[in-house]
Amino acid sequence: MTMKEEQILEQGRIHYQSIKKCVPVTPPSHIYPDMDYEDAYAIAGEIVRQYLEDGYTAAGKKVGLTSNAMRKLGGIYEPDYGIIFNETCYANESSVKAADFVQPGVEAEVGFRLKADLIGENITAEDVLRATEYVVPCLEIVDVRQRMDVPRKVFDSIADNASYGAYIIGDTPIRPYEIDLGLIGYVYEHNNRQAEVSCGAAVLDHPAQAIAWLANRFRAVGNPLRAGEFVLSGSAITMQMAKAGDNFRCRYGKLGEVSVNFV
């Protein structure tokens, strides 16, 4: 860790105020160029602490930047992760206010509901599937609270709680062994026009592999993925920026579809 405690607390406060006031902030690596992973996770932890202090309840976790498309878009070349909250979960076909976010974008991914803890060493995709109660299609509202006109490092994304904003959950939960998640199709539409087509293999070769990566990371820091948690696997498609009047939908074949409207 290179940053002082008061600097960590200040960055956590600045980022949380960005969430609440919808004003972008400068990526912390531009202020603290020597910051490291420990600093970034400490800032994110302070953001989460303030969420919880304000009455939010953690629903689970998310892994981001899992596809080549998203890593290229962000100029960041490894995954990141953050905490998600029950109060920012929306039903399929919900309408959300664009003004409630700083710089919102929408990604398409698969959500995993865990029925068992993932606590062993060298957790694999097969371990994840065995520990999963069901999978369900989701859209994630990624909210980039940091300025996008300057380069960002993975430390910046991590410090911003992996740019988590909200998520929309589909209506079609399926047991994980009923479908090959690596081959599931993603037909992603923006305002009723096809924006991109992808498949589950774009997410670290398989969405369960992304969850395994996340499980190993959290186990290593003493906070393993637990039964009952909901985990977002990361997007197979490129994020589309969102504004009032936009509609986003992704069709996943047997896994169903999910959509959101911005007002």
Protein backbone atom coordinates (compact mmCIF):
# COMPACT_ATOMS: atom_id res chain seq x y z
CA MET A 1 0.00 0.00 0.00
CA THR A 2 1.39 3.39 -1.01
CA MET A 3 -1.45 5.71 0.00
CA LYS A 4 -2.04 7.02 3.51
CA GLU A 5 -5.20 6.11 5.40
CA GLU A 6 -6.57 9.64 5.17
CA GLN A 7 -6.03 9.58 1.38
CA ILE A 8 -7.90 6.27 1.11
CA LEU A 9 -10.79 7.69 3.15
CA GLU A 10 -10.85 10.85 1.07
CA GLN A 11 -10.98 8.93 -2.21
CA GLY A 12 -13.72 6.68 -0.86
CA ARG A 13 -15.73 9.73 0.17
CA ILE A 14 -15.17 11.46 -3.19
CA HIS A 15 -16.27 8.38 -5.14
CA TYR A 16 -19.32 7.77 -2.97
CA GLN A 17 -20.36 11.41 -3.36
CA SER A 18 -19.95 10.92 -7.11
CA ILE A 19 -22.44 8.06 -6.92
CA LYS A 20 -24.92 10.14 -4.93
CA LYS A 21 -24.52 13.45 -6.76
CA CYS A 22 -23.87 12.02 -10.26
CA VAL A 23 -20.75 14.09 -10.88
CA PRO A 24 -17.63 12.47 -12.46
CA VAL A 25 -14.34 12.48 -10.56
CA THR A 26 -10.68 12.26 -11.55
CA PRO A 27 -9.29 8.70 -11.63
CA PRO A 28 -7.22 8.32 -8.45
CA SER A 29 -4.13 7.07 -10.31
CA HIS A 30 -3.79 10.57 -11.78
CA ILE A 31 -3.48 11.95 -8.25
CA TYR A 32 -1.54 9.04 -6.79
CA PRO A 33 0.48 7.57 -9.70
CA ASP A 34 2.18 5.02 -7.44
CA MET A 35 -1.07 3.55 -6.12
CA ASP A 36 -1.31 -0.24 -6.13
CA TYR A 37 -3.92 -3.00 -5.86
CA GLU A 38 -4.06 -2.74 -2.09
CA ASP A 39 -4.82 0.97 -2.32
CA ALA A 40 -7.50 0.39 -4.97
CA TYR A 41 -9.30 -2.31 -3.00
CA ALA A 42 -9.09 -0.19 0.15
CA ILE A 43 -10.83 2.70 -1.65
CA ALA A 44 -13.50 0.33 -2.97
CA GLY A 45 -13.92 -1.07 0.55
CA GLU A 46 -14.57 2.42 1.85
CA ILE A 47 -17.21 2.95 -0.86
CA VAL A 48 -18.91 -0.31 0.15
CA ARG A 49 -18.74 0.68 3.83
CA GLN A 50 -20.60 3.89 3.03
CA TYR A 51 -23.23 1.98 1.04
CA LEU A 52 -23.82 -0.30 4.03
CA GLU A 53 -23.87 2.65 6.43
CA ASP A 54 -26.63 4.16 4.30
CA GLY A 55 -28.75 1.01 4.65
CA TYR A 56 -27.85 -0.90 1.49
CA THR A 57 -27.47 -4.68 1.74
CA ALA A 58 -24.92 -6.67 -0.23
CA ALA A 59 -26.44 -9.11 -2.73
CA GLY A 60 -23.17 -10.63 -3.88
CA LYS A 61 -20.32 -9.76 -6.18
CA LYS A 62 -19.47 -9.00 -9.79
CA VAL A 63 -16.54 -9.65 -12.04
CA GLY A 64 -15.89 -7.17 -14.81
CA LEU A 65 -13.64 -6.71 -17.83
CA THR A 66 -13.87 -10.42 -18.60
CA SER A 67 -14.23 -10.14 -22.37
CA ASN A 68 -11.60 -8.95 -24.82
CA ALA A 69 -14.08 -6.38 -26.10
CA MET A 70 -14.58 -4.77 -22.71
CA ARG A 71 -10.89 -4.82 -21.79
CA LYS A 72 -10.06 -3.13 -25.09
CA LEU A 73 -12.83 -0.55 -24.60
CA GLY A 74 -11.56 0.34 -21.15
CA GLY A 75 -7.89 0.16 -22.04
CA ILE A 76 -7.53 -2.26 -19.11
CA TYR A 77 -6.22 -5.74 -19.75
CA GLU A 78 -7.23 -7.83 -16.75
CA PRO A 79 -10.53 -8.48 -14.93
CA ASP A 80 -11.67 -6.55 -11.87
CA TYR A 81 -14.39 -7.09 -9.29
CA GLY A 82 -16.80 -5.34 -6.95
CA ILE A 83 -19.79 -5.68 -4.62
CA ILE A 84 -23.41 -5.51 -5.80
CA PHE A 85 -26.47 -4.52 -3.74
CA ASN A 86 -30.05 -5.74 -3.39
CA GLU A 87 -31.41 -2.19 -3.53
CA THR A 88 -29.97 -1.70 -7.01
CA CYS A 89 -31.51 -4.85 -8.51
CA TYR A 90 -34.36 -4.29 -10.98
CA ALA A 91 -36.92 -6.64 -12.49
CA ASN A 92 -36.92 -7.50 -16.17
CA GLU A 93 -38.32 -4.73 -18.40
CA SER A 94 -37.90 -2.12 -15.66
CA SER A 95 -37.59 1.58 -16.36
CA VAL A 96 -34.70 3.34 -14.65
CA LYS A 97 -33.76 7.01 -14.50
CA ALA A 98 -30.68 7.86 -16.55
CA ALA A 99 -30.17 10.88 -14.29
CA ASP A 100 -29.54 8.54 -11.34
CA PHE A 101 -26.20 7.56 -12.88
CA VAL A 102 -23.04 9.46 -13.77
CA GLN A 103 -22.02 7.90 -17.12
CA PRO A 104 -24.18 4.78 -17.52
CA GLY A 105 -23.64 1.98 -19.97
CA VAL A 106 -25.25 -1.43 -20.35
CA GLU A 107 -23.63 -4.86 -20.55
CA ALA A 108 -25.11 -8.34 -21.03
CA GLU A 109 -24.08 -11.23 -18.81
CA VAL A 110 -25.18 -14.27 -16.83
CA GLY A 111 -25.98 -14.24 -13.12
CA PHE A 112 -25.19 -17.20 -10.86
CA ARG A 113 -27.11 -17.91 -7.64
CA LEU A 114 -24.88 -19.97 -5.36
CA LYS A 115 -26.21 -22.79 -3.19
CA ALA A 116 -22.85 -23.68 -1.64
CA ASP A 117 -19.73 -21.85 -0.52
CA LEU A 118 -16.72 -21.69 -2.82
CA ILE A 119 -13.94 -21.99 -0.27
CA GLY A 120 -11.37 -24.50 -1.57
CA GLU A 121 -8.08 -23.77 -3.23
CA ASN A 122 -7.73 -23.71 -7.02
CA ILE A 123 -11.47 -23.39 -7.59
CA THR A 124 -12.46 -24.47 -11.11
CA ALA A 125 -15.37 -23.80 -13.43
CA GLU A 126 -16.70 -27.27 -12.59
CA ASP A 127 -16.61 -26.38 -8.88
CA VAL A 128 -18.65 -23.28 -9.69
CA LEU A 129 -21.28 -25.24 -11.61
CA ARG A 130 -21.65 -27.73 -8.76
CA ALA A 131 -22.08 -24.86 -6.29
CA THR A 132 -24.68 -23.03 -8.42
CA GLU A 133 -28.42 -23.29 -7.76
CA TYR A 134 -29.40 -21.58 -11.01
CA VAL A 135 -28.21 -19.22 -13.72
CA VAL A 136 -30.29 -16.39 -15.17
CA PRO A 137 -29.80 -13.73 -17.87
CA CYS A 138 -28.93 -10.25 -16.64
CA LEU A 139 -28.08 -6.79 -17.82
CA GLU A 140 -25.65 -4.75 -15.77
CA ILE A 141 -25.77 -0.98 -15.66
CA VAL A 142 -22.12 -0.03 -15.51
CA ASP A 143 -21.72 3.48 -14.13
CA VAL A 144 -18.34 5.01 -14.86
CA ARG A 145 -17.95 7.59 -12.11
CA GLN A 146 -14.47 8.60 -13.26
CA ARG A 147 -13.64 10.94 -16.12
CA MET A 148 -13.41 9.12 -19.44
CA ASP A 149 -11.31 11.77 -21.22
CA VAL A 150 -8.12 10.59 -19.50
CA PRO A 151 -6.48 7.14 -19.45
CA ARG A 152 -7.60 4.79 -16.68
CA LYS A 153 -5.69 1.92 -15.10
CA VAL A 154 -7.08 -1.26 -13.59
CA PHE A 155 -6.48 0.36 -10.17
CA ASP A 156 -8.96 3.09 -11.07
CA SER A 157 -11.66 0.63 -12.10
CA ILE A 158 -11.16 -1.43 -8.94
CA ALA A 159 -11.24 1.69 -6.75
CA ASP A 160 -14.63 2.61 -8.27
CA ASN A 161 -16.13 -0.71 -7.09
CA ALA A 162 -15.64 -1.99 -10.65
CA SER A 163 -17.96 0.76 -11.93
CA TYR A 164 -20.99 -1.08 -10.58
CA GLY A 165 -24.27 0.81 -10.93
CA ALA A 166 -27.20 -1.63 -10.93
CA TYR A 167 -28.41 -4.84 -12.53
CA ILE A 168 -31.58 -6.15 -14.18
CA ILE A 169 -32.45 -9.79 -13.66
CA GLY A 170 -34.31 -11.96 -16.17
CA ASP A 171 -37.31 -14.23 -15.67
CA THR A 172 -35.85 -17.59 -16.73
CA PRO A 173 -33.68 -19.27 -14.09
CA ILE A 174 -32.17 -22.54 -15.33
CA ARG A 175 -30.12 -25.17 -13.56
CA PRO A 176 -26.51 -24.82 -14.71
CA TYR A 177 -26.20 -28.33 -16.19
CA GLU A 178 -29.28 -27.88 -18.38
CA ILE A 179 -27.43 -25.62 -20.78
CA ASP A 180 -23.89 -25.17 -22.14
CA LEU A 181 -23.10 -21.68 -20.97
CA GLY A 182 -20.00 -21.52 -23.17
CA LEU A 183 -22.14 -21.91 -26.28
CA ILE A 184 -25.11 -19.78 -25.23
CA GLY A 185 -25.76 -16.98 -27.72
CA TYR A 186 -25.99 -13.28 -26.89
CA VAL A 187 -28.04 -11.19 -29.33
CA TYR A 188 -27.69 -7.68 -27.96
CA GLU A 189 -30.03 -4.91 -29.14
CA HIS A 190 -29.95 -1.16 -28.61
CA ASN A 191 -33.20 0.65 -29.44
CA ASN A 192 -34.51 -2.41 -31.29
CA ARG A 193 -31.48 -2.64 -33.54
CA GLN A 194 -28.91 -5.37 -33.28
CA ALA A 195 -25.74 -3.94 -31.77
CA GLU A 196 -23.63 -7.07 -31.30
CA VAL A 197 -23.76 -10.86 -31.32
CA SER A 198 -21.55 -12.95 -29.06
CA CYS A 199 -21.51 -16.14 -27.00
CA GLY A 200 -20.63 -17.31 -23.52
CA ALA A 201 -17.13 -18.36 -24.56
CA ALA A 202 -16.24 -14.66 -24.91
CA VAL A 203 -16.26 -14.48 -21.09
CA LEU A 204 -12.87 -15.99 -20.17
CA ASP A 205 -13.81 -19.01 -22.36
CA HIS A 206 -16.86 -19.80 -20.18
CA PRO A 207 -18.95 -17.70 -17.73
CA ALA A 208 -18.31 -20.23 -14.94
CA GLN A 209 -14.58 -19.72 -15.49
CA ALA A 210 -15.07 -16.03 -14.73
CA ILE A 211 -16.83 -16.95 -11.47
CA ALA A 212 -13.98 -19.34 -10.63
CA TRP A 213 -11.46 -16.53 -11.18
CA LEU A 214 -13.53 -14.32 -8.88
CA ALA A 215 -13.91 -17.06 -6.25
CA ASN A 216 -10.16 -17.59 -6.13
CA ARG A 217 -9.53 -13.87 -5.78
CA PHE A 218 -12.01 -13.44 -2.93
CA ARG A 219 -10.85 -16.61 -1.17
CA ALA A 220 -7.30 -15.28 -1.28
CA VAL A 221 -8.33 -12.10 0.56
CA GLY A 222 -10.38 -13.98 3.15
CA ASN A 223 -13.83 -13.14 1.77
CA PRO A 224 -14.93 -16.26 -0.19
CA LEU A 225 -18.08 -16.50 -2.28
CA ARG A 226 -20.86 -17.88 -0.08
CA ALA A 227 -24.11 -19.80 -0.50
CA GLY A 228 -26.99 -17.41 -1.21
CA GLU A 229 -24.85 -14.85 -2.99
CA PHE A 230 -25.72 -13.66 -6.50
CA VAL A 231 -22.72 -13.24 -8.76
CA LEU A 232 -22.49 -11.47 -12.12
CA SER A 233 -20.07 -13.17 -14.50
CA GLY A 234 -19.03 -10.24 -16.69
CA SER A 235 -20.14 -9.15 -20.12
CA ALA A 236 -19.73 -11.02 -23.39
CA ILE A 237 -20.45 -7.89 -25.40
CA THR A 238 -19.14 -4.33 -25.63
CA MET A 239 -20.79 -1.87 -23.29
CA GLN A 240 -23.19 0.57 -24.94
CA MET A 241 -23.51 3.99 -23.32
CA ALA A 242 -27.05 4.85 -22.22
CA LYS A 243 -29.22 7.96 -22.06
CA ALA A 244 -32.87 8.78 -21.40
CA GLY A 245 -35.09 7.25 -24.08
CA ASP A 246 -32.84 4.25 -24.72
CA ASN A 247 -33.92 0.62 -24.59
CA PHE A 248 -31.53 -2.32 -24.27
CA ARG A 249 -32.36 -5.98 -24.71
CA CYS A 250 -30.36 -9.17 -24.91
CA ARG A 251 -31.73 -12.51 -26.09
CA TYR A 252 -29.97 -15.64 -24.85
CA GLY A 253 -31.91 -18.42 -26.60
CA LYS A 254 -32.99 -21.07 -24.10
CA LEU A 255 -31.90 -18.81 -21.25
CA GLY A 256 -34.54 -16.24 -22.22
CA GLU A 257 -34.14 -12.49 -22.57
CA VAL A 258 -33.85 -9.41 -20.41
CA SER A 259 -34.40 -5.73 -21.14
CA VAL A 260 -34.30 -2.29 -19.54
CA ASN A 261 -35.63 1.16 -20.44
CA PHE A 262 -33.94 4.44 -19.54
CA VAL A 263 -36.23 7.37 -18.80
